[in-house]
Protein backbone atom coordinates (compact mmCIF):
# COMPACT_ATOMS: atom_id res chain seq x y z
CA MET A 1 250.63 20.41 -43.98
CA ARG A 2 253.22 23.16 -44.07
CA THR A 3 254.68 25.10 -41.03
CA THR A 4 256.33 27.67 -42.92
CA PRO A 5 255.54 29.34 -45.78
CA GLU A 6 256.27 28.48 -49.40
CA THR A 7 259.12 30.16 -51.16
CA VAL A 8 258.31 30.62 -54.95
CA VAL A 9 259.71 32.53 -57.68
CA ILE A 10 258.15 33.91 -60.54
CA THR A 11 259.70 35.37 -64.09
CA GLY A 12 257.51 37.58 -65.42
CA ALA A 13 256.31 38.79 -62.58
CA SER A 14 256.21 42.42 -63.27
CA ALA A 15 253.01 41.84 -65.80
CA GLY A 16 250.52 40.07 -66.80
CA ILE A 17 249.82 36.03 -65.57
CA GLY A 18 253.17 36.70 -63.53
CA ARG A 19 251.71 39.64 -61.53
CA ALA A 20 248.31 38.07 -61.14
CA THR A 21 250.07 34.70 -60.09
CA ALA A 22 252.20 37.05 -57.84
CA ARG A 23 248.98 38.28 -56.01
CA LEU A 24 248.08 34.83 -55.32
CA TYR A 25 250.86 34.08 -53.78
CA GLY A 26 251.04 36.70 -51.18
CA ARG A 27 247.19 35.72 -50.34
CA ARG A 28 248.83 32.79 -49.46
CA GLY A 29 251.77 34.39 -46.96
CA ALA A 30 253.84 32.76 -49.06
CA ASN A 31 257.64 34.61 -49.93
CA VAL A 32 257.50 35.68 -53.34
CA VAL A 33 260.62 36.31 -55.21
CA LEU A 34 259.72 38.84 -58.35
CA ILE A 35 261.92 38.74 -61.57
CA ALA A 36 261.27 40.63 -64.75
CA ARG A 37 263.23 43.64 -66.17
CA GLY A 38 260.88 46.57 -65.35
CA GLN A 39 261.51 47.88 -61.95
CA ALA A 40 258.44 49.62 -62.00
CA GLY A 41 256.08 47.18 -62.42
CA LEU A 42 258.65 44.98 -60.28
CA GLU A 43 258.03 47.63 -57.42
CA ALA A 44 254.03 47.40 -57.75
CA ALA A 45 254.20 43.63 -57.65
CA ALA A 46 256.06 43.30 -54.83
CA GLN A 47 253.62 46.32 -52.89
CA GLU A 48 250.63 44.61 -53.63
CA VAL A 49 252.58 41.30 -52.54
CA ALA A 50 253.38 42.80 -49.33
CA SER A 51 249.76 44.26 -48.89
CA LEU A 52 248.11 40.60 -48.94
CA GLY A 53 250.33 39.09 -46.65
CA GLY A 54 253.06 37.65 -48.23
CA ARG A 55 256.86 38.76 -48.09
CA PRO A 56 258.07 40.00 -51.44
CA LEU A 57 262.04 40.17 -52.94
CA VAL A 58 262.30 42.13 -56.51
CA ARG A 59 265.07 41.33 -58.55
CA ILE A 60 265.46 43.00 -62.05
CA VAL A 61 266.95 40.27 -64.27
CA ASP A 62 266.65 39.61 -68.16
CA THR A 63 266.30 35.49 -68.00
CA ALA A 64 267.57 35.33 -70.98
CA ASP A 65 270.78 35.81 -69.47
CA ALA A 66 271.26 32.60 -67.46
CA GLN A 67 274.00 34.40 -65.14
CA GLN A 68 271.48 36.81 -64.17
CA VAL A 69 268.78 34.36 -63.39
CA GLU A 70 271.34 32.60 -61.11
CA ALA A 71 272.50 35.23 -59.39
CA ALA A 72 268.27 35.84 -58.71
CA ALA A 73 268.39 32.37 -57.55
CA GLU A 74 270.86 32.85 -55.20
CA ALA A 75 269.37 35.85 -53.70
CA ALA A 76 266.22 34.02 -52.88
CA GLU A 77 267.25 31.51 -50.75
CA HIS A 78 269.83 33.53 -49.31
CA ALA A 79 266.63 35.92 -47.72
CA PHE A 80 263.85 32.84 -47.77
CA GLY A 81 265.72 29.73 -47.67
CA PRO A 82 265.18 27.11 -50.17
CA ILE A 83 262.29 27.23 -53.40
CA ASP A 84 259.63 25.52 -53.66
CA VAL A 85 258.38 26.43 -56.85
CA TRP A 86 259.74 28.16 -59.77
CA ILE A 87 257.15 29.72 -62.22
CA ASN A 88 258.77 30.74 -65.59
CA SER A 89 256.04 32.57 -67.12
CA ALA A 90 258.74 35.62 -68.99
CA PHE A 91 258.65 36.60 -72.72
CA THR A 92 258.22 38.64 -75.60
CA SER A 93 257.23 38.91 -79.16
CA VAL A 94 257.15 40.32 -82.56
CA PHE A 95 254.16 40.09 -84.39
CA ALA A 96 254.78 40.49 -88.05
CA PRO A 97 255.00 37.74 -90.72
CA PHE A 98 258.40 35.78 -90.97
CA ASP A 99 259.70 37.66 -93.51
CA GLU A 100 259.54 40.58 -92.32
CA MET A 101 261.08 39.93 -88.78
CA ALA A 102 265.07 40.46 -88.33
CA ALA A 103 267.68 37.99 -87.13
CA GLU A 104 268.29 39.49 -84.48
CA GLU A 105 264.13 39.80 -83.59
CA TYR A 106 263.37 35.86 -84.32
CA ASP A 107 266.87 35.51 -81.87
CA ARG A 108 265.67 37.90 -79.30
CA VAL A 109 261.91 36.42 -79.14
CA THR A 110 263.83 33.06 -78.88
CA GLN A 111 266.47 33.77 -76.05
CA VAL A 112 263.43 35.15 -73.67
CA ALA A 113 260.27 33.16 -74.66
CA TYR A 114 262.33 29.93 -74.62
CA LEU A 115 265.81 29.97 -73.49
CA GLY A 116 264.84 31.73 -70.33
CA PHE A 117 262.54 29.27 -69.31
CA VAL A 118 265.34 26.81 -69.41
CA ASN A 119 268.10 29.21 -67.98
CA GLY A 120 265.12 29.11 -64.81
CA THR A 121 264.60 25.42 -65.23
CA ARG A 122 268.00 24.83 -64.88
CA THR A 123 268.78 26.79 -62.36
CA ALA A 124 265.78 25.75 -60.19
CA LEU A 125 266.56 22.26 -60.53
CA MET A 126 270.53 22.66 -59.76
CA ARG A 127 268.90 23.26 -56.15
CA MET A 128 265.94 21.25 -56.36
CA LEU A 129 267.31 18.07 -57.04
CA PRO A 130 269.98 17.46 -54.31
CA ARG A 131 267.01 18.23 -51.76
CA ASP A 132 264.92 15.79 -54.31
CA HIS A 133 261.87 18.48 -53.27
CA GLY A 134 260.06 20.99 -55.51
CA THR A 135 258.16 22.30 -58.49
CA VAL A 136 258.53 23.54 -61.69
CA VAL A 137 255.74 25.34 -63.81
CA GLN A 138 256.20 26.29 -67.16
CA VAL A 139 253.74 29.05 -68.36
CA GLY A 140 252.86 27.74 -71.88
CA SER A 141 249.88 28.15 -74.37
CA ALA A 142 247.42 25.99 -76.65
CA LEU A 143 250.10 28.10 -79.31
CA GLY A 144 252.29 25.76 -78.73
CA GLU A 145 250.64 23.13 -80.20
CA ARG A 146 248.66 24.88 -82.77
CA ALA A 147 250.75 27.57 -84.54
CA ILE A 148 249.29 30.68 -86.04
CA PRO A 149 250.08 32.89 -88.07
CA LEU A 150 251.83 36.45 -87.59
CA GLN A 151 253.56 34.52 -84.50
CA SER A 152 256.16 32.55 -86.14
CA ALA A 153 259.22 32.89 -82.78
CA TYR A 154 256.59 33.06 -80.26
CA CYS A 155 254.99 29.63 -81.76
CA GLY A 156 257.80 28.16 -82.02
CA ALA A 157 259.60 28.83 -78.59
CA LYS A 158 256.23 27.70 -77.27
CA HIS A 159 256.36 24.51 -79.34
CA ALA A 160 259.75 23.76 -77.95
CA ILE A 161 258.97 24.87 -74.56
CA ASN A 162 256.79 21.72 -75.20
CA GLY A 163 259.36 19.19 -76.32
CA PHE A 164 262.03 20.23 -73.62
CA THR A 165 259.47 19.95 -70.55
CA SER A 166 258.46 16.81 -71.84
CA SER A 167 262.20 15.76 -72.35
CA VAL A 168 263.09 16.72 -68.85
CA ARG A 169 259.76 14.82 -67.39
CA THR A 170 260.92 11.95 -68.84
CA GLU A 171 264.21 12.28 -66.76
CA LEU A 172 262.90 13.13 -63.11
CA LEU A 173 260.43 9.82 -63.82
CA HIS A 174 264.30 7.79 -64.91
CA ARG A 175 265.79 8.54 -61.71
CA GLY A 176 262.76 8.49 -59.33
CA SER A 177 262.96 12.01 -58.49
CA LYS A 178 259.95 13.89 -56.25
CA VAL A 179 261.07 17.03 -58.17
CA HIS A 180 258.30 17.56 -60.68
CA ILE A 181 257.76 19.90 -63.46
CA THR A 182 254.24 20.76 -65.04
CA ILE A 183 252.98 23.03 -67.62
CA VAL A 184 249.96 24.94 -67.95
CA GLN A 185 248.01 25.78 -71.12
CA MET A 186 246.84 28.72 -72.00
CA PRO A 187 244.27 30.53 -74.06
CA ALA A 188 244.22 34.22 -75.17
CA VAL A 189 244.79 36.23 -71.98
CA ASN A 190 244.32 40.24 -71.68
CA THR A 191 247.73 41.50 -70.69
CA PRO A 192 249.92 44.48 -71.37
CA GLN A 193 252.03 42.83 -73.88
CA PHE A 194 249.75 43.61 -76.72
CA SER A 195 249.92 47.23 -76.32
CA TRP A 196 253.62 47.17 -75.80
CA VAL A 197 254.79 44.25 -77.84
CA ARG A 198 256.63 45.04 -81.28
CA SER A 199 254.46 45.13 -84.29
CA ARG A 200 254.45 45.51 -88.13
CA LEU A 201 250.88 44.95 -88.25
CA PRO A 202 248.42 47.81 -89.71
CA ARG A 203 246.14 47.76 -86.55
CA HIS A 204 246.42 47.34 -83.10
CA PRO A 205 247.29 43.92 -82.28
CA GLN A 206 245.12 41.73 -79.43
CA PRO A 207 244.56 38.43 -78.57
CA VAL A 208 242.42 35.99 -80.31
CA PRO A 209 239.17 35.71 -78.84
CA PRO A 210 237.95 34.74 -76.83
CA VAL A 211 240.02 36.22 -74.26
CA TYR A 212 240.38 35.74 -70.71
CA GLN A 213 242.01 37.70 -67.81
CA PRO A 214 245.02 37.21 -66.18
CA GLU A 215 243.10 35.88 -63.04
CA VAL A 216 241.83 33.00 -64.97
CA ALA A 217 245.28 31.85 -65.58
CA ALA A 218 247.00 32.42 -62.38
CA ARG A 219 244.44 30.18 -60.94
CA GLY A 220 245.40 27.45 -63.00
CA VAL A 221 249.13 28.01 -62.18
CA LEU A 222 248.60 27.85 -58.97
CA HIS A 223 246.04 24.63 -58.97
CA ALA A 224 249.44 23.04 -61.48
CA ALA A 225 252.20 23.78 -58.61
CA ASP A 226 250.15 22.74 -56.12
CA ARG A 227 248.97 19.18 -57.93
CA PRO A 228 251.59 19.13 -60.58
CA ARG A 229 251.88 15.35 -60.99
CA ARG A 230 249.70 15.79 -64.16
CA LYS A 231 251.94 16.74 -67.35
CA GLN A 232 249.77 19.21 -68.45
CA TYR A 233 247.03 21.05 -67.34
CA TYR A 234 244.38 23.22 -70.16
CA VAL A 235 243.23 26.97 -68.84
CA GLY A 236 240.26 27.79 -70.97
CA ALA A 237 237.95 25.77 -73.45
CA THR A 238 239.68 27.01 -76.13
CA THR A 239 242.90 25.78 -75.27
CA THR A 240 241.59 21.85 -75.34
CA ALA A 241 239.17 22.72 -78.29
CA THR A 242 242.08 24.08 -80.32
CA ILE A 243 244.62 21.37 -79.21
CA TRP A 244 242.00 18.44 -79.72
CA ALA A 245 241.27 19.93 -83.36
CA ASN A 246 244.42 20.29 -83.98
CA ARG A 247 245.24 16.72 -83.63
CA LEU A 248 242.43 15.33 -85.53
CA ALA A 249 242.23 17.75 -88.64
CA PRO A 250 245.56 19.88 -88.45
CA ALA A 251 245.11 20.74 -92.49
CA LEU A 252 241.30 21.88 -91.99
CA LEU A 253 243.10 24.11 -89.00
CA ASP A 254 245.60 25.14 -91.62
CA ARG A 255 242.99 26.43 -94.18
CA TYR A 256 240.84 28.01 -91.65
CA LEU A 257 243.50 29.94 -89.82
CA ALA A 258 245.16 31.25 -93.23
CA ARG A 259 242.07 32.67 -94.07
CA THR A 260 241.31 34.41 -90.73
CA GLY A 261 244.50 34.84 -88.57
CA TYR A 262 245.04 38.01 -90.12
CA ALA A 263 242.13 39.95 -89.30
CA ALA A 264 241.59 37.85 -85.75
CA GLN A 265 244.55 39.17 -84.86
CA GLN A 266 243.98 43.24 -84.77
CA THR A 267 241.75 45.70 -83.66
CA ASP A 268 239.85 48.39 -85.73
CA ARG A 269 241.97 50.76 -83.96
CA GLN A 270 245.39 52.13 -84.77
CA PRO A 271 248.34 50.53 -83.63
CA PRO A 272 250.41 51.52 -80.33
CA SER A 273 252.47 54.98 -80.92
CA GLY A 274 254.98 53.88 -77.93
CA GLU A 275 258.14 51.73 -76.88
CA ASN A 276 257.82 48.27 -77.18
CA ASN A 277 259.53 45.99 -75.11
CA LEU A 278 261.85 43.72 -77.32
CA PHE A 279 265.29 44.89 -75.85
CA ALA A 280 263.75 46.57 -72.83
CA PRO A 281 261.21 47.22 -70.38
CA VAL A 282 258.49 49.47 -71.50
CA ASP A 283 257.81 50.90 -67.74
CA ARG A 284 261.52 51.67 -67.83
CA LEU A 285 261.45 53.47 -70.36
CA GLN A 286 257.89 55.35 -69.79
CA GLY A 287 258.25 55.20 -65.89
CA SER A 288 254.92 53.51 -65.17
CA ASP A 289 253.32 50.35 -63.72
CA HIS A 290 250.92 48.68 -65.97
CA GLY A 291 249.16 46.16 -64.06
CA ALA A 292 248.30 42.60 -64.54
CA HIS A 293 245.42 43.89 -66.99
CA GLY A 294 245.63 45.01 -70.86
CA VAL A 295 243.29 47.22 -72.57
CA PHE A 296 240.66 44.36 -73.19
CA ASP A 297 238.70 44.58 -69.77
CA SER A 298 235.25 44.93 -71.38
CA THR A 299 235.44 41.66 -73.59
CA SER A 300 237.72 39.20 -71.37
CA ARG A 301 236.10 36.58 -69.39
CA SER A 302 236.86 36.05 -65.47
CA ARG A 303 235.95 32.27 -65.40
CA SER A 304 236.84 29.25 -67.35
CA PHE A 305 234.59 26.37 -67.50
CA GLU A 306 237.59 24.01 -68.45
CA ALA A 307 239.75 25.28 -65.38
CA THR A 308 236.75 24.29 -63.10
CA LEU A 309 237.00 20.99 -64.46
CA SER A 310 240.74 20.53 -64.56
CA ARG A 311 240.32 20.41 -60.99
CA HIS A 312 238.09 17.63 -61.63
CA PRO A 313 239.44 14.60 -62.94
CA ALA A 314 236.43 12.42 -64.34
CA ALA A 315 234.44 15.60 -65.45
CA SER A 316 238.02 16.98 -67.45
CA ALA A 317 238.29 13.67 -69.38
CA LEU A 318 234.42 13.32 -70.25
CA ALA A 319 234.47 17.06 -71.55
CA ALA A 320 238.23 16.52 -74.01
CA GLY A 321 236.39 13.36 -74.88
CA THR A 322 233.34 15.33 -75.98
CA ILE A 323 235.73 17.78 -77.45
CA ALA A 324 237.40 15.36 -79.44
CA THR A 325 234.44 13.55 -80.95
CA ALA A 326 233.34 16.92 -82.11
CA ALA A 327 236.63 17.46 -83.72
CA ALA A 328 236.41 13.88 -85.56
CA VAL A 329 232.91 15.12 -86.99
CA LEU A 330 234.62 17.95 -88.22
CA LYS A 331 236.97 16.07 -89.97
CA ARG A 332 234.43 13.66 -91.33
CA ARG A 333 232.91 16.75 -92.83
CA ALA A 334 235.94 18.23 -93.95
CA ARG A 335 237.37 15.05 -96.06
CA THR A 336 233.46 14.87 -97.70
CA SER A 337 233.87 17.88 -98.60
CA SER A 338 237.15 17.85 -100.40
């Protein structure tokens, strides 16, 4: 039983999954360090955390800059003491075929969506390892195991996070450390990102359905932080199905996504006409807070059966086995028909 509030650092806290996670920690009465580039979103997030009973600290940081991340950690521990949990959630992306992306765009996505996680993890471990206490949670994605078209930079970054995290985990195990690192693999989530992402698609980008609300993802992050001994957690039945199907029938999924992946990531609406957030935060450009949710509330799910199962390992293993069996059947059918 804790006698003092836990101190939690959340990158990407101004919107989406990071914003929803900050609210959950606010309800716990935690010290919540909110890190992102956009001031309006961070200030609104801080007000929510405070109103829910937590103690917020805002730091405007570009996580691609290791020195900025380090300075934010120093401010966090000066204000609240040792960091207990560090959650890496910040990212950016570009929706476009690979050959239509400029080198500086690809570099920028990689710097934020991958190296930003590396910077956060390094800064957290520098403080946690000497104390032999703490947890790092990476907000991952099913796209870190099963890539899709039009998001090569983002998929590459999420794949890299998986490999990086596994490497660090084995190093912690080697030294017998009580510091933990885990990853939460996410499904499609209804965040504002799809309205401010840089896109060269002819229509408004969307997450591949089915789509979940950011609160579903946030509950998964909180659960992983509380129980970090597992290598990874899956949120959303589609995450589990996608990962297992890719392991058993990757060529079949290649053909399927080549046929459906372009249309599945676009709505029938016109593309956003405003600024994108690749190199500067949208709320700084537009002077407004966008909250945790995107524009897909009417079609997004507020519950995840798989996330509930993950809190019960035996049931989760049974469900995973069922999905694996179904994927194996699909693979055999694909071989028979080819």
